[in-house]
Amino acid sequence: MAIEPHLLMTYQKLLSLSQTMLHLASAGSWDALIETEVDYIGAVERLSQSTQASPISSQALTQLRPVLRNILDNEAQVRVLLQERMNELAGLVTQSNKQKSLNSTYTSMRGNILYPQD
């Protein structure tokens, strides 16, 4: 039994979107990644609805397995890149908080002359 054309097109669309998301994440295009992810989630929802109405045969799943593997691999790589970005942003927030604390301390000491004690 061959894969239904609309089903194959949906999986190919998912693969294309996942490849685009990986490219955008690799390039650091985070805003474009989010926009593409919205399309990706919509395609996943449509796929879920269509497979609930008529389940995929085991033979069709066997034929789709390479496409599914590529999609899952792309998602895993995007997750790694997102985690790296989150770690980078967390570091920037920590650095900003330290700078703010330092500025606050120096601002409160402004105008005071400190003398060393014996």
PDB file of N, CA and C in Angstrom:
ATOM      1  N   MET A   1       0.847  -1.185   0.000  1.00  0.00           N
ATOM      2  CA  MET A   1       0.000   0.000   0.000  1.00  0.00           C
ATOM      3  C   MET A   1       0.889   1.243   0.000  1.00  0.00           C
ATOM      4  N   ALA A   2       0.671   2.113  -0.938  1.00  0.00           N
ATOM      5  CA  ALA A   2       1.459   3.338  -1.057  1.00  0.00           C
ATOM      6  C   ALA A   2       0.920   4.396  -0.091  1.00  0.00           C
ATOM      7  N   ILE A   3       1.777   5.335   0.190  1.00  0.00           N
ATOM      8  CA  ILE A   3       1.399   6.443   1.071  1.00  0.00           C
ATOM      9  C   ILE A   3       0.452   7.368   0.310  1.00  0.00           C
ATOM     10  N   GLU A   4      -0.580   7.819   0.990  1.00  0.00           N
ATOM     11  CA  GLU A   4      -1.505   8.763   0.373  1.00  0.00           C
ATOM     12  C   GLU A   4      -0.762  10.067   0.080  1.00  0.00           C
ATOM     13  N   PRO A   5      -0.995  10.641  -1.091  1.00  0.00           N
ATOM     14  CA  PRO A   5      -0.247  11.850  -1.479  1.00  0.00           C
ATOM     15  C   PRO A   5      -0.354  13.000  -0.484  1.00  0.00           C
ATOM     16  N   HIS A   6      -1.546  13.252   0.063  1.00  0.00           N
ATOM     17  CA  HIS A   6      -1.673  14.375   0.999  1.00  0.00           C
ATOM     18  C   HIS A   6      -0.874  14.114   2.282  1.00  0.00           C
ATOM     19  N   LEU A   7      -0.795  12.855   2.679  1.00  0.00           N
ATOM     20  CA  LEU A   7      -0.033  12.502   3.877  1.00  0.00           C
ATOM     21  C   LEU A   7       1.459  12.692   3.626  1.00  0.00           C
ATOM     22  N   LEU A   8       1.909  12.234   2.478  1.00  0.00           N
ATOM     23  CA  LEU A   8       3.310  12.399   2.112  1.00  0.00           C
ATOM     24  C   LEU A   8       3.668  13.881   2.017  1.00  0.00           C
ATOM     25  N   MET A   9       2.794  14.673   1.434  1.00  0.00           N
ATOM     26  CA  MET A   9       3.034  16.114   1.331  1.00  0.00           C
ATOM     27  C   MET A   9       3.123  16.759   2.715  1.00  0.00           C
ATOM     28  N   THR A  10       2.278  16.318   3.629  1.00  0.00           N
ATOM     29  CA  THR A  10       2.293  16.875   4.982  1.00  0.00           C
ATOM     30  C   THR A  10       3.609  16.555   5.673  1.00  0.00           C
ATOM     31  N   TYR A  11       4.075  15.319   5.563  1.00  0.00           N
ATOM     32  CA  TYR A  11       5.350  14.941   6.171  1.00  0.00           C
ATOM     33  C   TYR A  11       6.514  15.675   5.518  1.00  0.00           C
ATOM     34  N   GLN A  12       6.462  15.848   4.214  1.00  0.00           N
ATOM     35  CA  GLN A  12       7.523  16.595   3.531  1.00  0.00           C
ATOM     36  C   GLN A  12       7.519  18.058   3.957  1.00  0.00           C
ATOM     37  N   LYS A  13       6.338  18.611   4.179  1.00  0.00           N
ATOM     38  CA  LYS A  13       6.226  19.993   4.677  1.00  0.00           C
ATOM     39  C   LYS A  13       6.846  20.094   6.068  1.00  0.00           C
ATOM     40  N   LEU A  14       6.553  19.097   6.924  1.00  0.00           N
ATOM     41  CA  LEU A  14       7.148  19.084   8.266  1.00  0.00           C
ATOM     42  C   LEU A  14       8.674  19.003   8.190  1.00  0.00           C
ATOM     43  N   LEU A  15       9.165  18.145   7.311  1.00  0.00           N
ATOM     44  CA  LEU A  15      10.612  18.014   7.148  1.00  0.00           C
ATOM     45  C   LEU A  15      11.221  19.331   6.679  1.00  0.00           C
ATOM     46  N   SER A  16      10.597  19.960   5.713  1.00  0.00           N
ATOM     47  CA  SER A  16      11.093  21.242   5.204  1.00  0.00           C
ATOM     48  C   SER A  16      11.098  22.308   6.308  1.00  0.00           C
ATOM     49  N   LEU A  17      10.017  22.362   7.077  1.00  0.00           N
ATOM     50  CA  LEU A  17       9.947  23.341   8.173  1.00  0.00           C
ATOM     51  C   LEU A  17      10.996  23.042   9.242  1.00  0.00           C
ATOM     52  N   SER A  18      11.211  21.765   9.548  1.00  0.00           N
ATOM     53  CA  SER A  18      12.207  21.428  10.572  1.00  0.00           C
ATOM     54  C   SER A  18      13.615  21.776  10.098  1.00  0.00           C
ATOM     55  N   GLN A  19      13.873  21.603   8.797  1.00  0.00           N
ATOM     56  CA  GLN A  19      15.175  21.987   8.251  1.00  0.00           C
ATOM     57  C   GLN A  19      15.356  23.503   8.302  1.00  0.00           C
ATOM     58  N   THR A  20      14.299  24.224   8.000  1.00  0.00           N
ATOM     59  CA  THR A  20      14.347  25.686   8.077  1.00  0.00           C
ATOM     60  C   THR A  20      14.594  26.132   9.513  1.00  0.00           C
ATOM     61  N   MET A  21      13.903  25.501  10.456  1.00  0.00           N
ATOM     62  CA  MET A  21      14.085  25.855  11.866  1.00  0.00           C
ATOM     63  C   MET A  21      15.523  25.597  12.306  1.00  0.00           C
ATOM     64  N   LEU A  22      16.098  24.489  11.880  1.00  0.00           N
ATOM     65  CA  LEU A  22      17.486  24.181  12.228  1.00  0.00           C
ATOM     66  C   LEU A  22      18.429  25.223  11.629  1.00  0.00           C
ATOM     67  N   HIS A  23      18.209  25.589  10.400  1.00  0.00           N
ATOM     68  CA  HIS A  23      19.033  26.615   9.748  1.00  0.00           C
ATOM     69  C   HIS A  23      18.931  27.952  10.498  1.00  0.00           C
ATOM     70  N   LEU A  24      17.706  28.340  10.851  1.00  0.00           N
ATOM     71  CA  LEU A  24      17.506  29.612  11.549  1.00  0.00           C
ATOM     72  C   LEU A  24      18.146  29.593  12.931  1.00  0.00           C
ATOM     73  N   ALA A  25      18.014  28.486  13.635  1.00  0.00           N
ATOM     74  CA  ALA A  25      18.626  28.377  14.966  1.00  0.00           C
ATOM     75  C   ALA A  25      20.147  28.412  14.847  1.00  0.00           C
ATOM     76  N   SER A  26      20.687  27.738  13.849  1.00  0.00           N
ATOM     77  CA  SER A  26      22.142  27.744  13.641  1.00  0.00           C
ATOM     78  C   SER A  26      22.652  29.146  13.322  1.00  0.00           C
ATOM     79  N   ALA A  27      21.840  29.915  12.623  1.00  0.00           N
ATOM     80  CA  ALA A  27      22.220  31.277  12.244  1.00  0.00           C
ATOM     81  C   ALA A  27      21.923  32.298  13.346  1.00  0.00           C
ATOM     82  N   GLY A  28      21.238  31.856  14.398  1.00  0.00           N
ATOM     83  CA  GLY A  28      20.886  32.786  15.476  1.00  0.00           C
ATOM     84  C   GLY A  28      19.741  33.712  15.120  1.00  0.00           C
ATOM     85  N   SER A  29      18.927  33.321  14.166  1.00  0.00           N
ATOM     86  CA  SER A  29      17.765  34.126  13.754  1.00  0.00           C
ATOM     87  C   SER A  29      16.564  33.718  14.599  1.00  0.00           C
ATOM     88  N   TRP A  30      16.573  34.153  15.849  1.00  0.00           N
ATOM     89  CA  TRP A  30      15.603  33.650  16.830  1.00  0.00           C
ATOM     90  C   TRP A  30      14.175  34.112  16.537  1.00  0.00           C
ATOM     91  N   ASP A  31      13.982  35.335  16.080  1.00  0.00           N
ATOM     92  CA  ASP A  31      12.632  35.813  15.769  1.00  0.00           C
ATOM     93  C   ASP A  31      12.035  35.035  14.592  1.00  0.00           C
ATOM     94  N   ALA A  32      12.835  34.822  13.566  1.00  0.00           N
ATOM     95  CA  ALA A  32      12.362  34.053  12.408  1.00  0.00           C
ATOM     96  C   ALA A  32      12.107  32.602  12.798  1.00  0.00           C
ATOM     97  N   LEU A  33      12.914  32.083  13.708  1.00  0.00           N
ATOM     98  CA  LEU A  33      12.705  30.713  14.192  1.00  0.00           C
ATOM     99  C   LEU A  33      11.343  30.585  14.855  1.00  0.00           C
ATOM    100  N   ILE A  34      10.983  31.546  15.673  1.00  0.00           N
ATOM    101  CA  ILE A  34       9.690  31.502  16.364  1.00  0.00           C
ATOM    102  C   ILE A  34       8.549  31.549  15.350  1.00  0.00           C
ATOM    103  N   GLU A  35       8.670  32.397  14.349  1.00  0.00           N
ATOM    104  CA  GLU A  35       7.629  32.486  13.319  1.00  0.00           C
ATOM    105  C   GLU A  35       7.485  31.158  12.572  1.00  0.00           C
ATOM    106  N   THR A  36       8.600  30.542  12.249  1.00  0.00           N
ATOM    107  CA  THR A  36       8.573  29.263  11.538  1.00  0.00           C
ATOM    108  C   THR A  36       8.032  28.159  12.433  1.00  0.00           C
ATOM    109  N   GLU A  37       8.343  28.240  13.706  1.00  0.00           N
ATOM    110  CA  GLU A  37       7.857  27.226  14.641  1.00  0.00           C
ATOM    111  C   GLU A  37       6.330  27.252  14.747  1.00  0.00           C
ATOM    112  N   VAL A  38       5.733  28.422  14.618  1.00  0.00           N
ATOM    113  CA  VAL A  38       4.272  28.530  14.628  1.00  0.00           C
ATOM    114  C   VAL A  38       3.696  27.751  13.444  1.00  0.00           C
ATOM    115  N   ASP A  39       4.310  27.900  12.274  1.00  0.00           N
ATOM    116  CA  ASP A  39       3.873  27.149  11.091  1.00  0.00           C
ATOM    117  C   ASP A  39       4.073  25.648  11.306  1.00  0.00           C
ATOM    118  N   TYR A  40       5.189  25.292  11.909  1.00  0.00           N
ATOM    119  CA  TYR A  40       5.512  23.887  12.165  1.00  0.00           C
ATOM    120  C   TYR A  40       4.474  23.255  13.092  1.00  0.00           C
ATOM    121  N   ILE A  41       4.136  23.949  14.151  1.00  0.00           N
ATOM    122  CA  ILE A  41       3.143  23.436  15.096  1.00  0.00           C
ATOM    123  C   ILE A  41       1.783  23.276  14.417  1.00  0.00           C
ATOM    124  N   GLY A  42       1.427  24.218  13.565  1.00  0.00           N
ATOM    125  CA  GLY A  42       0.181  24.115  12.808  1.00  0.00           C
ATOM    126  C   GLY A  42       0.178  22.884  11.913  1.00  0.00           C
ATOM    127  N   ALA A  43       1.302  22.609  11.266  1.00  0.00           N
ATOM    128  CA  ALA A  43       1.398  21.434  10.396  1.00  0.00           C
ATOM    129  C   ALA A  43       1.303  20.145  11.208  1.00  0.00           C
ATOM    130  N   VAL A  44       1.904  20.130  12.383  1.00  0.00           N
ATOM    131  CA  VAL A  44       1.815  18.958  13.259  1.00  0.00           C
ATOM    132  C   VAL A  44       0.368  18.735  13.697  1.00  0.00           C
ATOM    133  N   GLU A  45      -0.329  19.797  14.022  1.00  0.00           N
ATOM    134  CA  GLU A  45      -1.740  19.679  14.428  1.00  0.00           C
ATOM    135  C   GLU A  45      -2.597  19.151  13.287  1.00  0.00           C
ATOM    136  N   ARG A  46      -2.363  19.655  12.082  1.00  0.00           N
ATOM    137  CA  ARG A  46      -3.125  19.161  10.922  1.00  0.00           C
ATOM    138  C   ARG A  46      -2.844  17.687  10.670  1.00  0.00           C
ATOM    139  N   LEU A  47      -1.597  17.308  10.818  1.00  0.00           N
ATOM    140  CA  LEU A  47      -1.219  15.908  10.637  1.00  0.00           C
ATOM    141  C   LEU A  47      -1.901  15.034  11.688  1.00  0.00           C
ATOM    142  N   SER A  48      -1.896  15.503  12.915  1.00  0.00           N
ATOM    143  CA  SER A  48      -2.534  14.753  14.000  1.00  0.00           C
ATOM    144  C   SER A  48      -4.021  14.561  13.731  1.00  0.00           C
ATOM    145  N   GLN A  49      -4.672  15.609  13.286  1.00  0.00           N
ATOM    146  CA  GLN A  49      -6.107  15.511  12.992  1.00  0.00           C
ATOM    147  C   GLN A  49      -6.376  14.562  11.831  1.00  0.00           C
ATOM    148  N   SER A  50      -5.547  14.609  10.805  1.00  0.00           N
ATOM    149  CA  SER A  50      -5.783  13.741   9.642  1.00  0.00           C
ATOM    150  C   SER A  50      -5.504  12.279   9.963  1.00  0.00           C
ATOM    151  N   THR A  51      -4.540  12.006  10.847  1.00  0.00           N
ATOM    152  CA  THR A  51      -4.243  10.612  11.188  1.00  0.00           C
ATOM    153  C   THR A  51      -5.234  10.049  12.198  1.00  0.00           C
ATOM    154  N   GLN A  52      -5.918  10.919  12.935  1.00  0.00           N
ATOM    155  CA  GLN A  52      -6.973  10.431  13.821  1.00  0.00           C
ATOM    156  C   GLN A  52      -8.156   9.945  12.995  1.00  0.00           C
ATOM    157  N   ALA A  53      -8.438  10.634  11.922  1.00  0.00           N
ATOM    158  CA  ALA A  53      -9.556  10.258  11.058  1.00  0.00           C
ATOM    159  C   ALA A  53      -9.265   8.953  10.326  1.00  0.00           C
ATOM    160  N   SER A  54      -8.051   8.796   9.839  1.00  0.00           N
ATOM    161  CA  SER A  54      -7.669   7.551   9.165  1.00  0.00           C
ATOM    162  C   SER A  54      -6.228   7.214   9.547  1.00  0.00           C
ATOM    163  N   PRO A  55      -6.057   6.241  10.453  1.00  0.00           N
ATOM    164  CA  PRO A  55      -4.710   5.880  10.917  1.00  0.00           C
ATOM    165  C   PRO A  55      -3.792   5.455   9.769  1.00  0.00           C
ATOM    166  N   ILE A  56      -2.508   5.651   9.980  1.00  0.00           N
ATOM    167  CA  ILE A  56      -1.493   5.314   8.979  1.00  0.00           C
ATOM    168  C   ILE A  56      -1.200   3.821   9.067  1.00  0.00           C
ATOM    169  N   SER A  57      -1.126   3.165   7.922  1.00  0.00           N
ATOM    170  CA  SER A  57      -0.824   1.729   7.901  1.00  0.00           C
ATOM    171  C   SER A  57       0.628   1.501   8.310  1.00  0.00           C
ATOM    172  N   SER A  58       0.931   0.303   8.753  1.00  0.00           N
ATOM    173  CA  SER A  58       2.297  -0.017   9.170  1.00  0.00           C
ATOM    174  C   SER A  58       3.248   0.053   7.976  1.00  0.00           C
ATOM    175  N   GLN A  59       2.770  -0.303   6.788  1.00  0.00           N
ATOM    176  CA  GLN A  59       3.609  -0.222   5.599  1.00  0.00           C
ATOM    177  C   GLN A  59       3.937   1.243   5.273  1.00  0.00           C
ATOM    178  N   ALA A  60       2.947   2.101   5.407  1.00  0.00           N
ATOM    179  CA  ALA A  60       3.176   3.535   5.154  1.00  0.00           C
ATOM    180  C   ALA A  60       4.142   4.096   6.191  1.00  0.00           C
ATOM    181  N   LEU A  61       3.998   3.656   7.447  1.00  0.00           N
ATOM    182  CA  LEU A  61       4.930   4.113   8.493  1.00  0.00           C
ATOM    183  C   LEU A  61       6.351   3.679   8.183  1.00  0.00           C
ATOM    184  N   THR A  62       6.498   2.469   7.654  1.00  0.00           N
ATOM    185  CA  THR A  62       7.827   1.987   7.278  1.00  0.00           C
ATOM    186  C   THR A  62       8.416   2.879   6.195  1.00  0.00           C
ATOM    187  N   GLN A  63       7.597   3.281   5.240  1.00  0.00           N
ATOM    188  CA  GLN A  63       8.063   4.154   4.167  1.00  0.00           C
ATOM    189  C   GLN A  63       8.383   5.560   4.684  1.00  0.00           C
ATOM    190  N   LEU A  64       7.658   5.980   5.705  1.00  0.00           N
ATOM    191  CA  LEU A  64       7.862   7.327   6.249  1.00  0.00           C
ATOM    192  C   LEU A  64       8.984   7.393   7.289  1.00  0.00           C
ATOM    193  N   ARG A  65       9.451   6.242   7.734  1.00  0.00           N
ATOM    194  CA  ARG A  65      10.447   6.208   8.819  1.00  0.00           C
ATOM    195  C   ARG A  65      11.665   7.097   8.562  1.00  0.00           C
ATOM    196  N   PRO A  66      12.276   7.096   7.371  1.00  0.00           N
ATOM    197  CA  PRO A  66      13.429   7.988   7.150  1.00  0.00           C
ATOM    198  C   PRO A  66      13.071   9.471   7.300  1.00  0.00           C
ATOM    199  N   VAL A  67      11.902   9.851   6.824  1.00  0.00           N
ATOM    200  CA  VAL A  67      11.462  11.243   6.954  1.00  0.00           C
ATOM    201  C   VAL A  67      11.262  11.580   8.433  1.00  0.00           C
ATOM    202  N   LEU A  68      10.612  10.676   9.147  1.00  0.00           N
ATOM    203  CA  LEU A  68      10.390  10.890  10.588  1.00  0.00           C
ATOM    204  C   LEU A  68      11.714  11.003  11.334  1.00  0.00           C
ATOM    205  N   ARG A  69      12.688  10.153  10.990  1.00  0.00           N
ATOM    206  CA  ARG A  69      14.004  10.192  11.646  1.00  0.00           C
ATOM    207  C   ARG A  69      14.660  11.549  11.406  1.00  0.00           C
ATOM    208  N   ASN A  70      14.594  12.048  10.178  1.00  0.00           N
ATOM    209  CA  ASN A  70      15.187  13.358   9.874  1.00  0.00           C
ATOM    210  C   ASN A  70      14.501  14.466  10.663  1.00  0.00           C
ATOM    211  N   ILE A  71      13.183  14.407  10.751  1.00  0.00           N
ATOM    212  CA  ILE A  71      12.443  15.420  11.508  1.00  0.00           C
ATOM    213  C   ILE A  71      12.857  15.402  12.970  1.00  0.00           C
ATOM    214  N   LEU A  72      12.922  14.197  13.551  1.00  0.00           N
ATOM    215  CA  LEU A  72      13.305  14.078  14.959  1.00  0.00           C
ATOM    216  C   LEU A  72      14.744  14.521  15.199  1.00  0.00           C
ATOM    217  N   ASP A  73      15.640  14.185  14.275  1.00  0.00           N
ATOM    218  CA  ASP A  73      17.038  14.626  14.400  1.00  0.00           C
ATOM    219  C   ASP A  73      17.133  16.146  14.344  1.00  0.00           C
ATOM    220  N   ASN A  74      16.391  16.760  13.420  1.00  0.00           N
ATOM    221  CA  ASN A  74      16.389  18.226  13.323  1.00  0.00           C
ATOM    222  C   ASN A  74      15.862  18.852  14.609  1.00  0.00           C
ATOM    223  N   GLU A  75      14.777  18.298  15.141  1.00  0.00           N
ATOM    224  CA  GLU A  75      14.209  18.822  16.393  1.00  0.00           C
ATOM    225  C   GLU A  75      15.222  18.725  17.529  1.00  0.00           C
ATOM    226  N   ALA A  76      15.930  17.611  17.604  1.00  0.00           N
ATOM    227  CA  ALA A  76      16.926  17.435  18.669  1.00  0.00           C
ATOM    228  C   ALA A  76      18.039  18.477  18.545  1.00  0.00           C
ATOM    229  N   GLN A  77      18.494  18.725  17.329  1.00  0.00           N
ATOM    230  CA  GLN A  77      19.545  19.721  17.129  1.00  0.00           C
ATOM    231  C   GLN A  77      19.057  21.130  17.456  1.00  0.00           C
ATOM    232  N   VAL A  78      17.813  21.426  17.105  1.00  0.00           N
ATOM    233  CA  VAL A  78      17.239  22.741  17.433  1.00  0.00           C
ATOM    234  C   VAL A  78      17.160  22.893  18.955  1.00  0.00           C
ATOM    235  N   ARG A  79      16.760  21.828  19.644  1.00  0.00           N
ATOM    236  CA  ARG A  79      16.686  21.890  21.121  1.00  0.00           C
ATOM    237  C   ARG A  79      18.047  22.183  21.735  1.00  0.00           C
ATOM    238  N   VAL A  80      19.097  21.556  21.198  1.00  0.00           N
ATOM    239  CA  VAL A  80      20.456  21.811  21.698  1.00  0.00           C
ATOM    240  C   VAL A  80      20.826  23.279  21.495  1.00  0.00           C
ATOM    241  N   LEU A  81      20.554  23.795  20.315  1.00  0.00           N
ATOM    242  CA  LEU A  81      20.871  25.203  20.021  1.00  0.00           C
ATOM    243  C   LEU A  81      20.051  26.154  20.890  1.00  0.00           C
ATOM    244  N   LEU A  82      18.790  25.817  21.133  1.00  0.00           N
ATOM    245  CA  LEU A  82      17.958  26.647  22.013  1.00  0.00           C
ATOM    246  C   LEU A  82      18.477  26.624  23.442  1.00  0.00           C
ATOM    247  N   GLN A  83      18.928  25.463  23.904  1.00  0.00           N
ATOM    248  CA  GLN A  83      19.476  25.371  25.264  1.00  0.00           C
ATOM    249  C   GLN A  83      20.743  26.214  25.384  1.00  0.00           C
ATOM    250  N   GLU A  84      21.579  26.167  24.353  1.00  0.00           N
ATOM    251  CA  GLU A  84      22.786  27.003  24.359  1.00  0.00           C
ATOM    252  C   GLU A  84      22.417  28.479  24.422  1.00  0.00           C
ATOM    253  N   ARG A  85      21.400  28.865  23.666  1.00  0.00           N
ATOM    254  CA  ARG A  85      20.952  30.266  23.674  1.00  0.00           C
ATOM    255  C   ARG A  85      20.398  30.647  25.033  1.00  0.00           C
ATOM    256  N   MET A  86      19.619  29.757  25.641  1.00  0.00           N
ATOM    257  CA  MET A  86      19.074  30.034  26.975  1.00  0.00           C
ATOM    258  C   MET A  86      20.202  30.197  27.992  1.00  0.00           C
ATOM    259  N   ASN A  87      21.230  29.371  27.897  1.00  0.00           N
ATOM    260  CA  ASN A  87      22.375  29.496  28.801  1.00  0.00           C
ATOM    261  C   ASN A  87      23.088  30.833  28.588  1.00  0.00           C
ATOM    262  N   GLU A  88      23.224  31.226  27.332  1.00  0.00           N
ATOM    263  CA  GLU A  88      23.846  32.510  27.012  1.00  0.00           C
ATOM    264  C   GLU A  88      23.034  33.669  27.596  1.00  0.00           C
ATOM    265  N   LEU A  89      21.722  33.616  27.426  1.00  0.00           N
ATOM    266  CA  LEU A  89      20.860  34.676  27.956  1.00  0.00           C
ATOM    267  C   LEU A  89      20.882  34.693  29.484  1.00  0.00           C
ATOM    268  N   ALA A  90      20.911  33.521  30.100  1.00  0.00           N
ATOM    269  CA  ALA A  90      20.983  33.455  31.564  1.00  0.00           C
ATOM    270  C   ALA A  90      22.274  34.109  32.054  1.00  0.00           C
ATOM    271  N   GLY A  91      23.373  33.873  31.339  1.00  0.00           N
ATOM    272  CA  GLY A  91      24.645  34.509  31.693  1.00  0.00           C
ATOM    273  C   GLY A  91      24.574  36.020  31.566  1.00  0.00           C
ATOM    274  N   LEU A  92      23.932  36.493  30.525  1.00  0.00           N
ATOM    275  CA  LEU A  92      23.786  37.939  30.336  1.00  0.00           C
ATOM    276  C   LEU A  92      22.919  38.558  31.433  1.00  0.00           C
ATOM    277  N   VAL A  93      21.855  37.858  31.832  1.00  0.00           N
ATOM    278  CA  VAL A  93      20.999  38.363  32.910  1.00  0.00           C
ATOM    279  C   VAL A  93      21.787  38.419  34.225  1.00  0.00           C
ATOM    280  N   THR A  94      22.552  37.378  34.490  1.00  0.00           N
ATOM    281  CA  THR A  94      23.373  37.357  35.708  1.00  0.00           C
ATOM    282  C   THR A  94      24.379  38.502  35.698  1.00  0.00           C
ATOM    283  N   GLN A  95      25.039  38.703  34.567  1.00  0.00           N
ATOM    284  CA  GLN A  95      26.011  39.785  34.441  1.00  0.00           C
ATOM    285  C   GLN A  95      25.333  41.141  34.625  1.00  0.00           C
ATOM    286  N   SER A  96      24.164  41.304  34.044  1.00  0.00           N
ATOM    287  CA  SER A  96      23.425  42.557  34.170  1.00  0.00           C
ATOM    288  C   SER A  96      23.031  42.824  35.627  1.00  0.00           C
ATOM    289  N   ASN A  97      22.586  41.780  36.313  1.00  0.00           N
ATOM    290  CA  ASN A  97      22.216  41.938  37.719  1.00  0.00           C
ATOM    291  C   ASN A  97      23.412  42.315  38.582  1.00  0.00           C
ATOM    292  N   LYS A  98      24.568  41.720  38.294  1.00  0.00           N
ATOM    293  CA  LYS A  98      25.782  42.068  39.044  1.00  0.00           C
ATOM    294  C   LYS A  98      26.171  43.529  38.786  1.00  0.00           C
ATOM    295  N   GLN A  99      26.071  43.949  37.523  1.00  0.00           N
ATOM    296  CA  GLN A  99      26.405  45.326  37.166  1.00  0.00           C
ATOM    297  C   GLN A  99      25.446  46.299  37.855  1.00  0.00           C
ATOM    298  N   LYS A 100      24.183  45.959  37.900  1.00  0.00           N
ATOM    299  CA  LYS A 100      23.184  46.799  38.546  1.00  0.00           C
ATOM    300  C   LYS A 100      23.469  46.923  40.034  1.00  0.00           C
ATOM    301  N   SER A 101      23.820  45.816  40.662  1.00  0.00           N
ATOM    302  CA  SER A 101      24.142  45.819  42.092  1.00  0.00           C
ATOM    303  C   SER A 101      25.388  46.665  42.360  1.00  0.00           C
ATOM    304  N   LEU A 102      26.380  46.515  41.501  1.00  0.00           N
ATOM    305  CA  LEU A 102      27.609  47.285  41.647  1.00  0.00           C
ATOM    306  C   LEU A 102      27.335  48.778  41.479  1.00  0.00           C
ATOM    307  N   ASN A 103      26.559  49.124  40.469  1.00  0.00           N
ATOM    308  CA  ASN A 103      26.209  50.528  40.249  1.00  0.00           C
ATOM    309  C   ASN A 103      25.433  51.100  41.431  1.00  0.00           C
ATOM    310  N   SER A 104      24.545  50.326  41.975  1.00  0.00           N
ATOM    311  CA  SER A 104      23.760  50.761  43.125  1.00  0.00           C
ATOM    312  C   SER A 104      24.656  51.009  44.336  1.00  0.00           C
ATOM    313  N   THR A 105      25.604  50.113  44.537  1.00  0.00           N
ATOM    314  CA  THR A 105      26.527  50.267  45.675  1.00  0.00           C
ATOM    315  C   THR A 105      27.370  51.526  45.516  1.00  0.00           C
ATOM    316  N   TYR A 106      27.933  51.737  44.341  1.00  0.00           N
ATOM    317  CA  TYR A 106      28.753  52.921  44.116  1.00  0.00           C
ATOM    318  C   TYR A 106      27.927  54.203  44.168  1.00  0.00           C
ATOM    319  N   THR A 107      26.699  54.159  43.688  1.00  0.00           N
ATOM    320  CA  THR A 107      25.841  55.338  43.728  1.00  0.00           C
ATOM    321  C   THR A 107      25.526  55.722  45.172  1.00  0.00           C
ATOM    322  N   SER A 108      25.297  54.741  46.022  1.00  0.00           N
ATOM    323  CA  SER A 108      24.979  55.036  47.420  1.00  0.00           C
ATOM    324  C   SER A 108      26.198  55.566  48.176  1.00  0.00           C
ATOM    325  N   MET A 109      27.385  55.275  47.679  1.00  0.00           N
ATOM    326  CA  MET A 109      28.608  55.733  48.340  1.00  0.00           C
ATOM    327  C   MET A 109      29.089  57.068  47.782  1.00  0.00           C
ATOM    328  N   ARG A 110      28.435  57.563  46.741  1.00  0.00           N
ATOM    329  CA  ARG A 110      28.874  58.796  46.092  1.00  0.00           C
ATOM    330  C   ARG A 110      28.868  59.954  47.098  1.00  0.00           C
ATOM    331  N   GLY A 111      29.921  60.710  47.069  1.00  0.00           N
ATOM    332  CA  GLY A 111      30.016  61.878  47.944  1.00  0.00           C
ATOM    333  C   GLY A 111      30.660  61.562  49.290  1.00  0.00           C
ATOM    334  N   ASN A 112      30.812  60.319  49.636  1.00  0.00           N
ATOM    335  CA  ASN A 112      31.454  59.933  50.903  1.00  0.00           C
ATOM    336  C   ASN A 112      32.931  59.723  50.674  1.00  0.00           C
ATOM    337  N   ILE A 113      33.732  60.159  51.631  1.00  0.00           N
ATOM    338  CA  ILE A 113      35.155  59.937  51.568  1.00  0.00           C
ATOM    339  C   ILE A 113      35.471  58.848  52.587  1.00  0.00           C
ATOM    340  N   LEU A 114      36.084  57.803  52.107  1.00  0.00           N
ATOM    341  CA  LEU A 114      36.418  56.695  52.989  1.00  0.00           C
ATOM    342  C   LEU A 114      37.893  56.778  53.322  1.00  0.00           C
ATOM    343  N   TYR A 115      38.177  56.622  54.619  1.00  0.00           N
ATOM    344  CA  TYR A 115      39.571  56.641  55.111  1.00  0.00           C
ATOM    345  C   TYR A 115      39.919  55.274  55.629  1.00  0.00           C
ATOM    346  N   PRO A 116      41.153  54.875  55.368  1.00  0.00           N
ATOM    347  CA  PRO A 116      41.568  53.568  55.914  1.00  0.00           C
ATOM    348  C   PRO A 116      41.670  53.664  57.434  1.00  0.00           C
ATOM    349  N   GLN A 117      41.355  52.582  58.079  1.00  0.00           N
ATOM    350  CA  GLN A 117      41.453  52.551  59.547  1.00  0.00           C
ATOM    351  C   GLN A 117      42.765  51.896  59.927  1.00  0.00           C
ATOM    352  N   ASP A 118      43.271  52.353  61.062  1.00  0.00           N
ATOM    353  CA  ASP A 118      44.542  51.798  61.549  1.00  0.00           C
ATOM    354  C   ASP A 118      44.361  50.445  62.176  1.00  0.00           C
TER     355      ASP A 118
END
